Amino acid sequence: MTEPIEPATRRTTVTPASDGSPARAVGMGIFGAAVGLAVFLLLAIVFSFTAGLVVVAIFTGRFVGLFVRAGAAGSLSSPARTVVALVIFLIGMTLALGITWLVAGLQGGVLSFGAFLDETYGTPLIALEYMLGTLMTWWSAK
């Protein structure tokens, strides 16, 4: 009688495809901000849409917060993730408004940055974009 042959056992360790890191969190957050920036510029410059930009700011904040949280994947504490996401969102929103102002200047606009924002969007709308987008970023990243 023959003895059963045992299959060779292999020791393999399963590692996740990608671990979270602060650099990955920043990169993914920037990607989320870039998507929001592109939509903002499309609506603001191409379609001269103003009121819907509040919704774009809210969704941009959501994307940035979620992407930073996913990119960090446990490598950053909740307060650190929140700070990273908020900085990325605020820079992205400011870039969106600045690019809109620069394009208006190239088309013959002569207003200063503050006067342009006040005349085009109104100060309450800009404040609302920053406020609601910041709250959504904070809520999504924590």
N, C-alpha and C. Protein backbone atom coordinates (compact mmCIF):
# COMPACT_ATOMS: atom_id res chain seq x y z
N MET A 1 0.84 -1.15 0.00
CA MET A 1 0.00 0.00 0.00
C MET A 1 0.90 1.24 0.00
N THR A 2 0.49 2.21 -0.75
CA THR A 2 1.30 3.43 -0.83
C THR A 2 0.72 4.49 0.08
N GLU A 3 1.62 5.31 0.53
CA GLU A 3 1.19 6.40 1.41
C GLU A 3 0.73 7.58 0.56
N PRO A 4 -0.29 8.29 1.05
CA PRO A 4 -0.75 9.46 0.29
C PRO A 4 0.35 10.53 0.25
N ILE A 5 0.46 11.13 -0.87
CA ILE A 5 1.46 12.19 -1.03
C ILE A 5 0.80 13.51 -0.64
N GLU A 6 1.46 14.20 0.26
CA GLU A 6 0.94 15.50 0.68
C GLU A 6 1.45 16.57 -0.29
N PRO A 7 0.54 17.46 -0.68
CA PRO A 7 1.00 18.53 -1.57
C PRO A 7 1.96 19.46 -0.84
N ALA A 8 2.87 19.98 -1.60
CA ALA A 8 3.83 20.92 -1.02
C ALA A 8 3.08 22.16 -0.55
N THR A 9 3.37 22.57 0.63
CA THR A 9 2.70 23.76 1.16
C THR A 9 3.55 24.97 0.88
N ARG A 10 2.91 25.94 0.37
CA ARG A 10 3.58 27.21 0.10
C ARG A 10 3.12 28.22 1.13
N ARG A 11 4.05 28.95 1.59
CA ARG A 11 3.69 30.02 2.52
C ARG A 11 3.68 31.32 1.74
N THR A 12 2.50 31.84 1.62
CA THR A 12 2.37 33.12 0.92
C THR A 12 1.72 34.10 1.86
N THR A 13 2.14 35.30 1.75
CA THR A 13 1.51 36.36 2.53
C THR A 13 0.73 37.24 1.57
N VAL A 14 -0.45 37.53 1.96
CA VAL A 14 -1.29 38.38 1.14
C VAL A 14 -1.17 39.79 1.67
N THR A 15 -0.73 40.68 0.82
CA THR A 15 -0.63 42.09 1.20
C THR A 15 -1.63 42.87 0.36
N PRO A 16 -2.16 43.91 0.93
CA PRO A 16 -3.08 44.72 0.15
C PRO A 16 -2.39 45.31 -1.07
N ALA A 17 -3.18 45.56 -2.10
CA ALA A 17 -2.63 46.08 -3.35
C ALA A 17 -1.92 47.42 -3.13
N SER A 18 -2.48 48.22 -2.27
CA SER A 18 -1.85 49.50 -2.01
C SER A 18 -2.22 49.97 -0.60
N ASP A 19 -1.22 50.35 0.12
CA ASP A 19 -1.46 50.88 1.46
C ASP A 19 -1.64 52.38 1.36
N GLY A 20 -2.30 52.91 2.34
CA GLY A 20 -2.48 54.35 2.37
C GLY A 20 -1.22 55.05 2.84
N SER A 21 -1.07 56.27 2.42
CA SER A 21 0.07 57.08 2.84
C SER A 21 -0.33 58.54 2.75
N PRO A 22 0.37 59.40 3.47
CA PRO A 22 0.07 60.82 3.36
C PRO A 22 0.23 61.36 1.93
N ALA A 23 1.26 60.89 1.22
CA ALA A 23 1.45 61.35 -0.16
C ALA A 23 0.30 60.91 -1.05
N ARG A 24 -0.15 59.68 -0.84
CA ARG A 24 -1.29 59.18 -1.62
C ARG A 24 -2.55 59.97 -1.29
N ALA A 25 -2.73 60.33 -0.02
CA ALA A 25 -3.89 61.12 0.38
C ALA A 25 -3.88 62.48 -0.30
N VAL A 26 -2.72 63.12 -0.34
CA VAL A 26 -2.60 64.43 -1.00
C VAL A 26 -2.86 64.29 -2.49
N GLY A 27 -2.27 63.27 -3.10
CA GLY A 27 -2.45 63.07 -4.55
C GLY A 27 -3.91 62.83 -4.92
N MET A 28 -4.57 61.98 -4.15
CA MET A 28 -5.97 61.70 -4.45
C MET A 28 -6.85 62.92 -4.17
N GLY A 29 -6.51 63.67 -3.12
CA GLY A 29 -7.25 64.89 -2.83
C GLY A 29 -7.10 65.92 -3.93
N ILE A 30 -5.90 66.05 -4.47
CA ILE A 30 -5.68 66.97 -5.59
C ILE A 30 -6.46 66.52 -6.81
N PHE A 31 -6.53 65.21 -7.03
CA PHE A 31 -7.33 64.71 -8.15
C PHE A 31 -8.80 65.09 -7.98
N GLY A 32 -9.34 64.93 -6.77
CA GLY A 32 -10.73 65.32 -6.51
C GLY A 32 -10.95 66.81 -6.72
N ALA A 33 -9.98 67.61 -6.29
CA ALA A 33 -10.09 69.06 -6.48
C ALA A 33 -10.00 69.42 -7.96
N ALA A 34 -9.18 68.70 -8.71
CA ALA A 34 -9.05 68.97 -10.15
C ALA A 34 -10.35 68.68 -10.89
N VAL A 35 -11.04 67.62 -10.49
CA VAL A 35 -12.33 67.31 -11.11
C VAL A 35 -13.33 68.43 -10.82
N GLY A 36 -13.39 68.85 -9.57
CA GLY A 36 -14.28 69.96 -9.21
C GLY A 36 -13.90 71.25 -9.90
N LEU A 37 -12.61 71.51 -10.02
CA LEU A 37 -12.13 72.71 -10.71
C LEU A 37 -12.55 72.70 -12.17
N ALA A 38 -12.43 71.56 -12.82
CA ALA A 38 -12.81 71.46 -14.23
C ALA A 38 -14.30 71.72 -14.42
N VAL A 39 -15.13 71.16 -13.57
CA VAL A 39 -16.58 71.37 -13.67
C VAL A 39 -16.90 72.83 -13.38
N PHE A 40 -16.26 73.40 -12.36
CA PHE A 40 -16.48 74.80 -12.01
C PHE A 40 -16.14 75.71 -13.19
N LEU A 41 -14.97 75.50 -13.79
CA LEU A 41 -14.55 76.35 -14.90
C LEU A 41 -15.45 76.17 -16.11
N LEU A 42 -15.89 74.96 -16.36
CA LEU A 42 -16.80 74.71 -17.47
C LEU A 42 -18.10 75.50 -17.29
N LEU A 43 -18.67 75.41 -16.10
CA LEU A 43 -19.93 76.12 -15.86
C LEU A 43 -19.74 77.63 -15.78
N ALA A 44 -18.66 78.07 -15.13
CA ALA A 44 -18.46 79.51 -14.93
C ALA A 44 -18.01 80.22 -16.19
N ILE A 45 -17.11 79.63 -16.95
CA ILE A 45 -16.54 80.32 -18.11
C ILE A 45 -17.34 80.05 -19.38
N VAL A 46 -17.59 78.79 -19.65
CA VAL A 46 -18.24 78.44 -20.90
C VAL A 46 -19.72 78.79 -20.88
N PHE A 47 -20.41 78.47 -19.78
CA PHE A 47 -21.85 78.66 -19.73
C PHE A 47 -22.29 79.89 -18.93
N SER A 48 -21.37 80.62 -18.32
CA SER A 48 -21.66 81.79 -17.48
C SER A 48 -22.74 81.49 -16.45
N PHE A 49 -22.62 80.34 -15.85
CA PHE A 49 -23.57 79.87 -14.85
C PHE A 49 -23.07 80.30 -13.48
N THR A 50 -23.94 80.84 -12.63
CA THR A 50 -23.46 81.31 -11.33
C THR A 50 -24.08 80.57 -10.15
N ALA A 51 -25.38 80.45 -10.10
CA ALA A 51 -26.04 79.90 -8.92
C ALA A 51 -25.67 78.43 -8.70
N GLY A 52 -25.50 77.66 -9.73
CA GLY A 52 -25.16 76.25 -9.59
C GLY A 52 -23.75 76.00 -9.11
N LEU A 53 -22.94 77.04 -9.04
CA LEU A 53 -21.57 76.87 -8.59
C LEU A 53 -21.50 76.52 -7.11
N VAL A 54 -22.54 76.85 -6.36
CA VAL A 54 -22.60 76.44 -4.95
C VAL A 54 -22.66 74.92 -4.88
N VAL A 55 -23.47 74.31 -5.74
CA VAL A 55 -23.58 72.85 -5.78
C VAL A 55 -22.25 72.23 -6.20
N VAL A 56 -21.57 72.85 -7.15
CA VAL A 56 -20.26 72.35 -7.58
C VAL A 56 -19.28 72.42 -6.42
N ALA A 57 -19.31 73.49 -5.65
CA ALA A 57 -18.41 73.62 -4.49
C ALA A 57 -18.71 72.54 -3.45
N ILE A 58 -19.98 72.24 -3.24
CA ILE A 58 -20.35 71.20 -2.27
C ILE A 58 -19.83 69.84 -2.73
N PHE A 59 -20.04 69.51 -4.00
CA PHE A 59 -19.58 68.22 -4.51
C PHE A 59 -18.06 68.15 -4.58
N THR A 60 -17.41 69.27 -4.86
CA THR A 60 -15.95 69.29 -4.86
C THR A 60 -15.43 69.00 -3.46
N GLY A 61 -16.04 69.61 -2.46
CA GLY A 61 -15.67 69.33 -1.08
C GLY A 61 -15.87 67.87 -0.72
N ARG A 62 -16.96 67.30 -1.20
CA ARG A 62 -17.24 65.88 -0.94
C ARG A 62 -16.17 65.00 -1.59
N PHE A 63 -15.85 65.27 -2.86
CA PHE A 63 -14.83 64.49 -3.56
C PHE A 63 -13.48 64.59 -2.85
N VAL A 64 -13.08 65.80 -2.53
CA VAL A 64 -11.78 65.99 -1.90
C VAL A 64 -11.72 65.25 -0.56
N GLY A 65 -12.74 65.40 0.26
CA GLY A 65 -12.76 64.74 1.56
C GLY A 65 -12.71 63.23 1.45
N LEU A 66 -13.54 62.67 0.58
CA LEU A 66 -13.56 61.22 0.42
C LEU A 66 -12.27 60.69 -0.19
N PHE A 67 -11.72 61.41 -1.16
CA PHE A 67 -10.49 60.96 -1.80
C PHE A 67 -9.31 61.02 -0.83
N VAL A 68 -9.24 62.05 0.00
CA VAL A 68 -8.17 62.14 0.98
C VAL A 68 -8.32 60.99 1.99
N ARG A 69 -9.52 60.74 2.44
CA ARG A 69 -9.74 59.65 3.40
C ARG A 69 -9.36 58.30 2.79
N ALA A 70 -9.73 58.08 1.54
CA ALA A 70 -9.38 56.82 0.88
C ALA A 70 -7.87 56.71 0.66
N GLY A 71 -7.24 57.80 0.28
CA GLY A 71 -5.80 57.78 0.04
C GLY A 71 -4.99 57.59 1.30
N ALA A 72 -5.49 58.12 2.41
CA ALA A 72 -4.77 57.98 3.68
C ALA A 72 -4.87 56.55 4.20
N ALA A 73 -6.01 55.92 4.06
CA ALA A 73 -6.25 54.52 4.46
C ALA A 73 -5.60 54.15 5.78
N GLY A 74 -5.86 54.94 6.80
CA GLY A 74 -5.36 54.62 8.13
C GLY A 74 -3.98 55.17 8.45
N SER A 75 -3.33 55.82 7.51
CA SER A 75 -1.98 56.33 7.78
C SER A 75 -2.01 57.71 8.43
N LEU A 76 -3.14 58.38 8.39
CA LEU A 76 -3.27 59.71 9.00
C LEU A 76 -4.41 59.68 10.01
N SER A 77 -4.26 60.45 11.05
CA SER A 77 -5.35 60.58 12.02
C SER A 77 -6.48 61.40 11.41
N SER A 78 -7.62 61.35 12.03
CA SER A 78 -8.78 62.09 11.51
C SER A 78 -8.52 63.60 11.44
N PRO A 79 -7.93 64.22 12.47
CA PRO A 79 -7.64 65.65 12.35
C PRO A 79 -6.64 65.97 11.24
N ALA A 80 -5.65 65.11 11.05
CA ALA A 80 -4.67 65.36 9.98
C ALA A 80 -5.32 65.23 8.61
N ARG A 81 -6.16 64.22 8.43
CA ARG A 81 -6.88 64.07 7.15
C ARG A 81 -7.74 65.28 6.88
N THR A 82 -8.40 65.77 7.92
CA THR A 82 -9.29 66.92 7.76
C THR A 82 -8.50 68.15 7.34
N VAL A 83 -7.37 68.38 7.96
CA VAL A 83 -6.55 69.55 7.62
C VAL A 83 -6.06 69.45 6.17
N VAL A 84 -5.58 68.28 5.79
CA VAL A 84 -5.08 68.08 4.41
C VAL A 84 -6.21 68.35 3.42
N ALA A 85 -7.37 67.77 3.68
CA ALA A 85 -8.50 67.93 2.76
C ALA A 85 -8.95 69.39 2.69
N LEU A 86 -9.01 70.07 3.82
CA LEU A 86 -9.45 71.46 3.83
C LEU A 86 -8.48 72.37 3.08
N VAL A 87 -7.20 72.14 3.26
CA VAL A 87 -6.21 72.96 2.54
C VAL A 87 -6.34 72.75 1.03
N ILE A 88 -6.49 71.49 0.63
CA ILE A 88 -6.63 71.19 -0.80
C ILE A 88 -7.90 71.83 -1.36
N PHE A 89 -9.00 71.72 -0.64
CA PHE A 89 -10.26 72.30 -1.12
C PHE A 89 -10.15 73.82 -1.24
N LEU A 90 -9.64 74.47 -0.20
CA LEU A 90 -9.56 75.93 -0.23
C LEU A 90 -8.64 76.44 -1.34
N ILE A 91 -7.54 75.76 -1.56
CA ILE A 91 -6.65 76.15 -2.66
C ILE A 91 -7.36 75.93 -4.00
N GLY A 92 -8.05 74.81 -4.14
CA GLY A 92 -8.77 74.53 -5.38
C GLY A 92 -9.85 75.55 -5.68
N MET A 93 -10.63 75.92 -4.67
CA MET A 93 -11.68 76.93 -4.89
C MET A 93 -11.10 78.28 -5.25
N THR A 94 -10.02 78.65 -4.58
CA THR A 94 -9.39 79.92 -4.88
C THR A 94 -8.80 79.92 -6.30
N LEU A 95 -8.22 78.80 -6.70
CA LEU A 95 -7.72 78.68 -8.07
C LEU A 95 -8.85 78.80 -9.09
N ALA A 96 -9.98 78.17 -8.80
CA ALA A 96 -11.12 78.23 -9.72
C ALA A 96 -11.58 79.67 -9.91
N LEU A 97 -11.70 80.40 -8.82
CA LEU A 97 -12.13 81.79 -8.92
C LEU A 97 -11.06 82.66 -9.59
N GLY A 98 -9.80 82.38 -9.28
CA GLY A 98 -8.71 83.15 -9.89
C GLY A 98 -8.61 82.91 -11.39
N ILE A 99 -8.77 81.68 -11.81
CA ILE A 99 -8.71 81.38 -13.25
C ILE A 99 -9.89 82.03 -13.96
N THR A 100 -11.06 82.01 -13.34
CA THR A 100 -12.23 82.66 -13.93
C THR A 100 -11.97 84.16 -14.11
N TRP A 101 -11.35 84.78 -13.11
CA TRP A 101 -11.03 86.21 -13.19
C TRP A 101 -9.99 86.48 -14.29
N LEU A 102 -8.98 85.60 -14.39
CA LEU A 102 -7.97 85.79 -15.43
C LEU A 102 -8.56 85.66 -16.83
N VAL A 103 -9.45 84.70 -17.02
CA VAL A 103 -10.09 84.54 -18.33
C VAL A 103 -10.94 85.77 -18.65
N ALA A 104 -11.63 86.31 -17.65
CA ALA A 104 -12.42 87.52 -17.88
C ALA A 104 -11.51 88.69 -18.25
N GLY A 105 -10.34 88.76 -17.63
CA GLY A 105 -9.37 89.80 -17.96
C GLY A 105 -8.85 89.66 -19.39
N LEU A 106 -8.65 88.43 -19.82
CA LEU A 106 -8.20 88.20 -21.19
C LEU A 106 -9.27 88.57 -22.21
N GLN A 107 -10.52 88.54 -21.77
CA GLN A 107 -11.63 88.90 -22.66
C GLN A 107 -11.96 90.39 -22.59
N GLY A 108 -11.13 91.15 -21.90
CA GLY A 108 -11.31 92.59 -21.87
C GLY A 108 -11.79 93.15 -20.54
N GLY A 109 -11.90 92.31 -19.52
CA GLY A 109 -12.33 92.78 -18.20
C GLY A 109 -11.27 93.63 -17.55
N VAL A 110 -11.70 94.63 -16.79
CA VAL A 110 -10.75 95.54 -16.16
C VAL A 110 -10.95 95.63 -14.65
N LEU A 111 -11.81 94.80 -14.09
CA LEU A 111 -12.08 94.86 -12.66
C LEU A 111 -10.98 94.17 -11.87
N SER A 112 -10.78 94.65 -10.64
CA SER A 112 -9.86 93.95 -9.74
C SER A 112 -10.49 92.62 -9.33
N PHE A 113 -9.72 91.76 -8.70
CA PHE A 113 -10.20 90.43 -8.34
C PHE A 113 -11.44 90.51 -7.44
N GLY A 114 -11.36 91.31 -6.39
CA GLY A 114 -12.49 91.44 -5.47
C GLY A 114 -13.72 92.06 -6.13
N ALA A 115 -13.50 93.09 -6.93
CA ALA A 115 -14.63 93.72 -7.62
C ALA A 115 -15.26 92.78 -8.63
N PHE A 116 -14.43 91.99 -9.31
CA PHE A 116 -14.95 91.01 -10.27
C PHE A 116 -15.84 89.99 -9.58
N LEU A 117 -15.37 89.44 -8.47
CA LEU A 117 -16.17 88.45 -7.75
C LEU A 117 -17.48 89.05 -7.24
N ASP A 118 -17.42 90.27 -6.75
CA ASP A 118 -18.63 90.92 -6.24
C ASP A 118 -19.62 91.21 -7.35
N GLU A 119 -19.14 91.72 -8.49
CA GLU A 119 -20.02 92.05 -9.60
C GLU A 119 -20.57 90.81 -10.31
N THR A 120 -19.74 89.81 -10.47
CA THR A 120 -20.14 88.63 -11.24
C THR A 120 -20.98 87.66 -10.42
N TYR A 121 -20.52 87.33 -9.23
CA TYR A 121 -21.19 86.31 -8.43
C TYR A 121 -21.91 86.87 -7.22
N GLY A 122 -21.43 87.95 -6.69
CA GLY A 122 -21.97 88.50 -5.47
C GLY A 122 -21.24 87.92 -4.27
N THR A 123 -20.94 88.75 -3.32
CA THR A 123 -20.19 88.31 -2.15
C THR A 123 -20.90 87.20 -1.38
N PRO A 124 -22.23 87.26 -1.20
CA PRO A 124 -22.88 86.16 -0.46
C PRO A 124 -22.73 84.81 -1.15
N LEU A 125 -22.76 84.78 -2.47
CA LEU A 125 -22.62 83.51 -3.18
C LEU A 125 -21.22 82.94 -3.01
N ILE A 126 -20.21 83.78 -3.09
CA ILE A 126 -18.83 83.32 -2.91
C ILE A 126 -18.65 82.80 -1.49
N ALA A 127 -19.17 83.54 -0.52
CA ALA A 127 -19.06 83.11 0.88
C ALA A 127 -19.78 81.78 1.09
N LEU A 128 -20.93 81.61 0.45
CA LEU A 128 -21.68 80.37 0.57
C LEU A 128 -20.93 79.20 -0.06
N GLU A 129 -20.28 79.43 -1.19
CA GLU A 129 -19.49 78.38 -1.82
C GLU A 129 -18.38 77.91 -0.90
N TYR A 130 -17.64 78.86 -0.33
CA TYR A 130 -16.56 78.50 0.58
C TYR A 130 -17.10 77.82 1.84
N MET A 131 -18.16 78.36 2.41
CA MET A 131 -18.69 77.83 3.66
C MET A 131 -19.23 76.41 3.50
N LEU A 132 -20.11 76.21 2.53
CA LEU A 132 -20.71 74.88 2.35
C LEU A 132 -19.69 73.86 1.84
N GLY A 133 -18.81 74.30 0.95
CA GLY A 133 -17.76 73.39 0.47
C GLY A 133 -16.81 72.98 1.59
N THR A 134 -16.46 73.92 2.46
CA THR A 134 -15.59 73.62 3.59
C THR A 134 -16.27 72.67 4.56
N LEU A 135 -17.53 72.89 4.85
CA LEU A 135 -18.26 71.99 5.75
C LEU A 135 -18.35 70.59 5.15
N MET A 136 -18.62 70.48 3.86
CA MET A 136 -18.71 69.16 3.23
C MET A 136 -17.35 68.47 3.22
N THR A 137 -16.28 69.23 3.00
CA THR A 137 -14.93 68.65 3.03
C THR A 137 -14.62 68.12 4.42
N TRP A 138 -14.89 68.92 5.43
CA TRP A 138 -14.65 68.51 6.81
C TRP A 138 -15.42 67.26 7.15
N TRP A 139 -16.69 67.23 6.81
CA TRP A 139 -17.54 66.10 7.13
C TRP A 139 -17.09 64.83 6.40
N SER A 140 -16.67 64.97 5.17
CA SER A 140 -16.27 63.82 4.36
C SER A 140 -14.90 63.26 4.75
N ALA A 141 -14.02 64.10 5.23
CA ALA A 141 -12.65 63.67 5.53
C ALA A 141 -12.48 63.10 6.93
N LYS A 142 -13.39 63.42 7.83
CA LYS A 142 -13.19 62.99 9.24
C LYS A 142 -13.39 61.52 9.44
